[in-house]
Amino acid sequence: MAGRKVYFFSDAHLGATYIADAREHEMRLVNWLMSIKDDASEIYMLGDVLDYWYEYRTVVPRGYIRFFGALASLADSGIKIYWFIGNHDIWLFDYLRDEIGLTVIDGYIEKDILGKRFFLSHGDGIGKLKPSFRLMRAIFRNKFCQKLYASIHPRWTIPFAHGWSSSSRDFANYVPLENVDASQEPLVQWAEQYSLSHPGIDYFMFGHRHVLLRHEMKSSGEVIILGDWIRQFSYACFDGQKMEICRQI
């Protein structure tokens, strides 16, 4: 193992059209990844790392070459990398898995990491979902619908996907850490209920909400929501003893 620290981050939304300087945005994440190369043993990317991605059978979208190169370098050095599918990078299939050597996870996992029990998920499929969002997730994951989508030329699908993403993201309503009411946060509420029937989980870790939050649960364990790499540039680091919430400067 390359080191003894485990890192977690989510919601970089690389390639989003609402980000002013896409190259600077990508390089900030790349530089951070390379800075942890010497002490990281595992990296968990908890979804929406890319703002849009679709792997066709023989081609993939352009871009992200420096980011993918950084991941490949880390994987080649022996660092285990896990990429959780989010609601934006939902169509990860086998290309990045095979070319880079990372593990793609759709859904959630529970696992022991350095002696602690973790529940890990992007968070978009957790808890009570709006009927419209539930329907959209079902369509996006339907194999037949994916084949229909793949039959449309990328010159139409990619602009459409980025336009949809831009229209759904409202940066003006971001809530700072100090103003978050954890008791009203849906992922916290869900974790509190889940822990009653699944005791022994030390950390619930989520992305998706673009809120940076650390909350000690009523029973035991903590809920951590990882913020994002658009405005907060936040991540978590665990060494087996201490969990730290940090920001890349």
Protein backbone atom coordinates (compact mmCIF):
# COMPACT_ATOMS: atom_id res chain seq x y z
CA MET A 1 0.00 0.00 0.00
CA ALA A 2 1.25 3.44 -0.90
CA GLY A 3 0.27 4.95 2.45
CA ARG A 4 -2.10 4.73 5.34
CA LYS A 5 -4.54 7.55 4.66
CA VAL A 6 -7.89 7.22 2.93
CA TYR A 7 -9.39 10.17 1.05
CA PHE A 8 -12.99 10.96 0.11
CA PHE A 9 -14.40 13.66 -2.17
CA SER A 10 -17.38 14.23 -4.45
CA ASP A 11 -19.17 16.62 -6.80
CA ALA A 12 -16.39 18.11 -8.86
CA HIS A 13 -18.72 18.38 -11.88
CA LEU A 14 -15.80 18.56 -14.29
CA GLY A 15 -16.90 19.84 -17.67
CA ALA A 16 -19.90 21.81 -16.40
CA THR A 17 -20.64 24.73 -18.71
CA TYR A 18 -21.39 27.04 -15.77
CA ILE A 19 -17.77 26.83 -14.56
CA ALA A 20 -15.89 29.86 -15.89
CA ASP A 21 -12.43 28.32 -16.38
CA ALA A 22 -12.73 24.61 -17.08
CA ARG A 23 -8.96 24.05 -17.35
CA GLU A 24 -8.21 25.77 -14.04
CA HIS A 25 -11.02 23.83 -12.41
CA GLU A 26 -9.65 20.51 -13.66
CA MET A 27 -6.05 21.34 -12.74
CA ARG A 28 -6.99 22.31 -9.20
CA LEU A 29 -8.36 18.81 -8.65
CA VAL A 30 -5.47 17.19 -10.52
CA ASN A 31 -2.88 19.06 -8.44
CA TRP A 32 -4.59 17.99 -5.23
CA LEU A 33 -4.73 14.35 -6.35
CA MET A 34 -1.04 14.35 -7.13
CA SER A 35 -0.29 16.00 -3.77
CA ILE A 36 -1.74 13.01 -1.89
CA LYS A 37 0.00 10.38 -4.00
CA ASP A 38 2.66 9.60 -1.39
CA ASP A 39 0.38 9.03 1.61
CA ALA A 40 -2.87 7.72 0.13
CA SER A 41 -3.83 4.05 0.21
CA GLU A 42 -7.38 4.48 -1.13
CA ILE A 43 -9.43 7.23 -2.75
CA TYR A 44 -13.23 7.22 -2.77
CA MET A 45 -14.90 9.51 -5.32
CA LEU A 46 -18.52 9.70 -4.23
CA GLY A 47 -20.22 10.67 -7.45
CA ASP A 48 -20.83 13.57 -9.83
CA VAL A 49 -17.11 13.81 -10.46
CA LEU A 50 -18.00 14.58 -14.07
CA ASP A 51 -20.92 16.81 -14.94
CA TYR A 52 -21.78 14.52 -17.83
CA TRP A 53 -20.39 11.27 -19.20
CA TYR A 54 -21.59 8.66 -21.64
CA GLU A 55 -19.48 5.76 -22.89
CA TYR A 56 -20.45 4.71 -26.37
CA ARG A 57 -19.35 1.29 -27.55
CA THR A 58 -16.29 2.50 -29.48
CA VAL A 59 -15.84 6.17 -28.50
CA VAL A 60 -15.93 8.30 -25.36
CA PRO A 61 -16.46 12.06 -24.91
CA ARG A 62 -13.48 14.37 -25.35
CA GLY A 63 -11.82 16.12 -22.42
CA TYR A 64 -10.66 15.34 -18.87
CA ILE A 65 -7.34 13.97 -20.15
CA ARG A 66 -5.29 15.44 -17.31
CA PHE A 67 -7.75 14.21 -14.71
CA PHE A 68 -7.85 10.71 -16.17
CA GLY A 69 -4.05 10.75 -16.43
CA ALA A 70 -3.77 11.64 -12.74
CA LEU A 71 -6.12 8.79 -11.79
CA ALA A 72 -4.13 6.37 -13.95
CA SER A 73 -0.88 7.47 -12.32
CA LEU A 74 -2.35 6.98 -8.85
CA ALA A 75 -3.79 3.58 -9.74
CA ASP A 76 -0.51 2.47 -11.30
CA SER A 77 1.30 3.39 -8.08
CA GLY A 78 -0.90 0.94 -6.14
CA ILE A 79 -3.57 3.28 -4.79
CA LYS A 80 -7.07 1.77 -4.90
CA ILE A 81 -9.61 4.11 -6.45
CA TYR A 82 -13.39 3.77 -6.15
CA TRP A 83 -15.77 5.80 -8.31
CA PHE A 84 -19.38 5.89 -7.13
CA ILE A 85 -21.88 6.65 -9.86
CA GLY A 86 -23.79 9.87 -9.22
CA ASN A 87 -26.78 11.35 -10.95
CA HIS A 88 -24.57 13.24 -13.44
CA ASP A 89 -21.87 10.66 -14.25
CA ILE A 90 -24.48 7.92 -14.26
CA TRP A 91 -23.36 6.25 -17.51
CA LEU A 92 -19.99 4.92 -16.39
CA PHE A 93 -19.67 1.46 -17.86
CA ASP A 94 -16.37 -0.35 -18.44
CA TYR A 95 -14.01 2.07 -20.22
CA LEU A 96 -12.59 3.92 -17.22
CA ARG A 97 -12.77 0.78 -15.11
CA ASP A 98 -10.62 -1.17 -17.57
CA GLU A 99 -8.31 1.59 -18.80
CA ILE A 100 -7.49 3.13 -15.42
CA GLY A 101 -8.04 0.13 -13.16
CA LEU A 102 -10.52 1.70 -10.79
CA THR A 103 -13.65 0.18 -9.26
CA VAL A 104 -17.03 1.58 -10.36
CA ILE A 105 -19.84 1.30 -7.81
CA ASP A 106 -23.49 1.92 -8.58
CA GLY A 107 -25.45 2.37 -5.36
CA TYR A 108 -23.91 2.05 -1.92
CA ILE A 109 -21.52 -0.16 -0.02
CA GLU A 110 -20.84 -0.93 3.61
CA LYS A 111 -17.26 -1.86 4.35
CA ASP A 112 -14.53 -1.73 6.96
CA ILE A 113 -11.83 0.85 6.31
CA LEU A 114 -8.83 0.96 8.64
CA GLY A 115 -10.83 -0.61 11.44
CA LYS A 116 -13.99 1.49 11.16
CA ARG A 117 -17.32 0.65 9.53
CA PHE A 118 -18.39 2.94 6.66
CA PHE A 119 -21.61 3.40 4.72
CA LEU A 120 -20.70 5.05 1.42
CA SER A 121 -23.04 6.41 -1.25
CA HIS A 122 -23.40 9.37 -3.57
CA GLY A 123 -26.74 9.97 -1.87
CA ASP A 124 -29.09 10.59 -4.80
CA GLY A 125 -30.92 7.29 -4.31
CA ILE A 126 -31.15 7.53 -0.53
CA GLY A 127 -34.32 8.22 1.42
CA LYS A 128 -37.67 9.43 0.18
CA LEU A 129 -37.38 10.57 -3.44
CA LYS A 130 -39.69 12.82 -5.40
CA PRO A 131 -41.74 10.77 -7.89
CA SER A 132 -40.31 12.77 -10.80
CA PHE A 133 -36.73 12.13 -9.68
CA ARG A 134 -37.46 8.44 -9.07
CA LEU A 135 -38.87 8.15 -12.58
CA MET A 136 -35.88 9.92 -14.09
CA ARG A 137 -33.43 7.61 -12.28
CA ALA A 138 -35.34 4.57 -13.52
CA ILE A 139 -35.25 5.82 -17.12
CA PHE A 140 -31.56 6.64 -16.99
CA ARG A 141 -30.73 3.16 -15.66
CA ASN A 142 -32.95 1.30 -18.09
CA LYS A 143 -30.83 -0.68 -20.59
CA PHE A 144 -33.26 -0.18 -23.45
CA CYS A 145 -33.40 3.58 -22.88
CA GLN A 146 -29.60 3.67 -22.78
CA LYS A 147 -29.44 1.97 -26.17
CA LEU A 148 -31.94 4.44 -27.60
CA TYR A 149 -29.90 7.34 -26.23
CA ALA A 150 -26.70 5.89 -27.70
CA SER A 151 -28.31 5.83 -31.14
CA ILE A 152 -28.54 9.64 -31.14
CA HIS A 153 -25.46 11.45 -32.44
CA PRO A 154 -23.32 13.01 -29.67
CA ARG A 155 -23.53 16.42 -31.36
CA TRP A 156 -27.11 16.48 -30.06
CA THR A 157 -26.92 14.58 -26.78
CA ILE A 158 -23.90 16.29 -25.23
CA PRO A 159 -25.13 19.92 -25.60
CA PHE A 160 -28.55 18.82 -24.41
CA ALA A 161 -27.10 17.15 -21.30
CA HIS A 162 -24.93 20.15 -20.40
CA GLY A 163 -27.82 22.53 -20.95
CA TRP A 164 -30.03 20.49 -18.67
CA SER A 165 -27.34 20.45 -15.99
CA SER A 166 -26.83 24.21 -16.16
CA SER A 167 -30.52 24.95 -15.84
CA SER A 168 -30.86 22.76 -12.74
CA ARG A 169 -27.94 24.20 -10.75
CA ASP A 170 -28.61 27.27 -8.60
CA PHE A 171 -25.39 28.56 -7.01
CA ALA A 172 -27.11 31.50 -5.32
CA ASN A 173 -28.76 29.19 -2.79
CA TYR A 174 -25.65 27.43 -1.49
CA VAL A 175 -25.83 27.15 2.31
CA PRO A 176 -22.60 27.80 4.26
CA LEU A 177 -21.49 25.17 6.75
CA GLU A 178 -22.31 27.28 9.80
CA ASN A 179 -25.93 27.74 8.69
CA VAL A 180 -26.79 24.10 8.02
CA ASP A 181 -29.48 22.66 10.27
CA ALA A 182 -28.39 19.02 10.42
CA SER A 183 -31.72 17.93 11.91
CA GLN A 184 -33.46 19.06 8.70
CA GLU A 185 -30.95 17.51 6.32
CA PRO A 186 -32.62 14.55 4.53
CA LEU A 187 -29.48 12.40 4.43
CA VAL A 188 -28.95 12.90 8.16
CA GLN A 189 -32.55 11.94 8.89
CA TRP A 190 -32.22 8.83 6.74
CA ALA A 191 -28.94 7.80 8.40
CA GLU A 192 -30.47 8.19 11.87
CA GLN A 193 -33.26 5.78 10.90
CA TYR A 194 -30.97 3.35 9.11
CA SER A 195 -28.61 3.12 12.07
CA LEU A 196 -31.41 1.92 14.32
CA SER A 197 -31.67 -1.33 12.35
CA HIS A 198 -28.02 -1.43 11.25
CA PRO A 199 -25.95 -0.63 14.33
CA GLY A 200 -22.19 -0.47 14.27
CA ILE A 201 -21.66 1.98 11.40
CA ASP A 202 -19.08 4.56 12.41
CA TYR A 203 -19.36 6.88 9.42
CA PHE A 204 -22.09 7.58 6.89
CA MET A 205 -20.43 9.37 3.98
CA PHE A 206 -22.36 11.11 1.19
CA GLY A 207 -21.99 13.58 -1.64
CA HIS A 208 -24.80 14.92 -3.83
CA ARG A 209 -26.12 17.70 -1.61
CA HIS A 210 -23.28 20.23 -2.16
CA VAL A 211 -23.38 20.89 1.57
CA LEU A 212 -20.32 20.49 3.77
CA LEU A 213 -21.56 18.94 6.99
CA ARG A 214 -20.31 16.78 9.85
CA HIS A 215 -22.92 15.61 12.32
CA GLU A 216 -22.68 13.33 15.35
CA MET A 217 -25.69 11.03 15.37
CA LYS A 218 -27.99 10.45 18.34
CA SER A 219 -27.21 6.74 18.61
CA SER A 220 -23.60 6.43 17.51
CA GLY A 221 -21.47 7.28 14.54
CA GLU A 222 -21.30 10.36 12.35
CA VAL A 223 -22.78 11.63 9.11
CA ILE A 224 -20.44 13.44 6.74
CA ILE A 225 -21.61 15.21 3.59
CA LEU A 226 -18.59 16.10 1.52
CA GLY A 227 -19.50 19.48 0.03
CA ASP A 228 -18.14 19.97 -3.50
CA TRP A 229 -15.21 20.96 -5.69
CA ILE A 230 -16.94 23.93 -7.26
CA ARG A 231 -16.89 26.46 -4.43
CA GLN A 232 -15.86 24.57 -1.30
CA PHE A 233 -13.00 22.36 -2.57
CA SER A 234 -13.59 20.06 0.37
CA TYR A 235 -12.63 16.49 1.17
CA ALA A 236 -12.32 14.07 4.06
CA CYS A 237 -9.17 12.27 5.18
CA PHE A 238 -9.09 9.26 7.51
CA ASP A 239 -5.93 7.67 8.97
CA GLY A 240 -7.53 4.96 11.10
CA GLN A 241 -7.66 7.14 14.19
CA LYS A 242 -8.83 10.57 13.15
CA MET A 243 -11.31 11.80 10.57
CA GLU A 244 -10.52 15.26 9.20
CA ILE A 245 -12.64 17.51 6.99
CA CYS A 246 -10.33 19.68 4.93
CA ARG A 247 -10.35 22.21 2.12
CA GLN A 248 -7.84 22.43 -0.70
CA ILE A 249 -6.25 25.87 -0.67
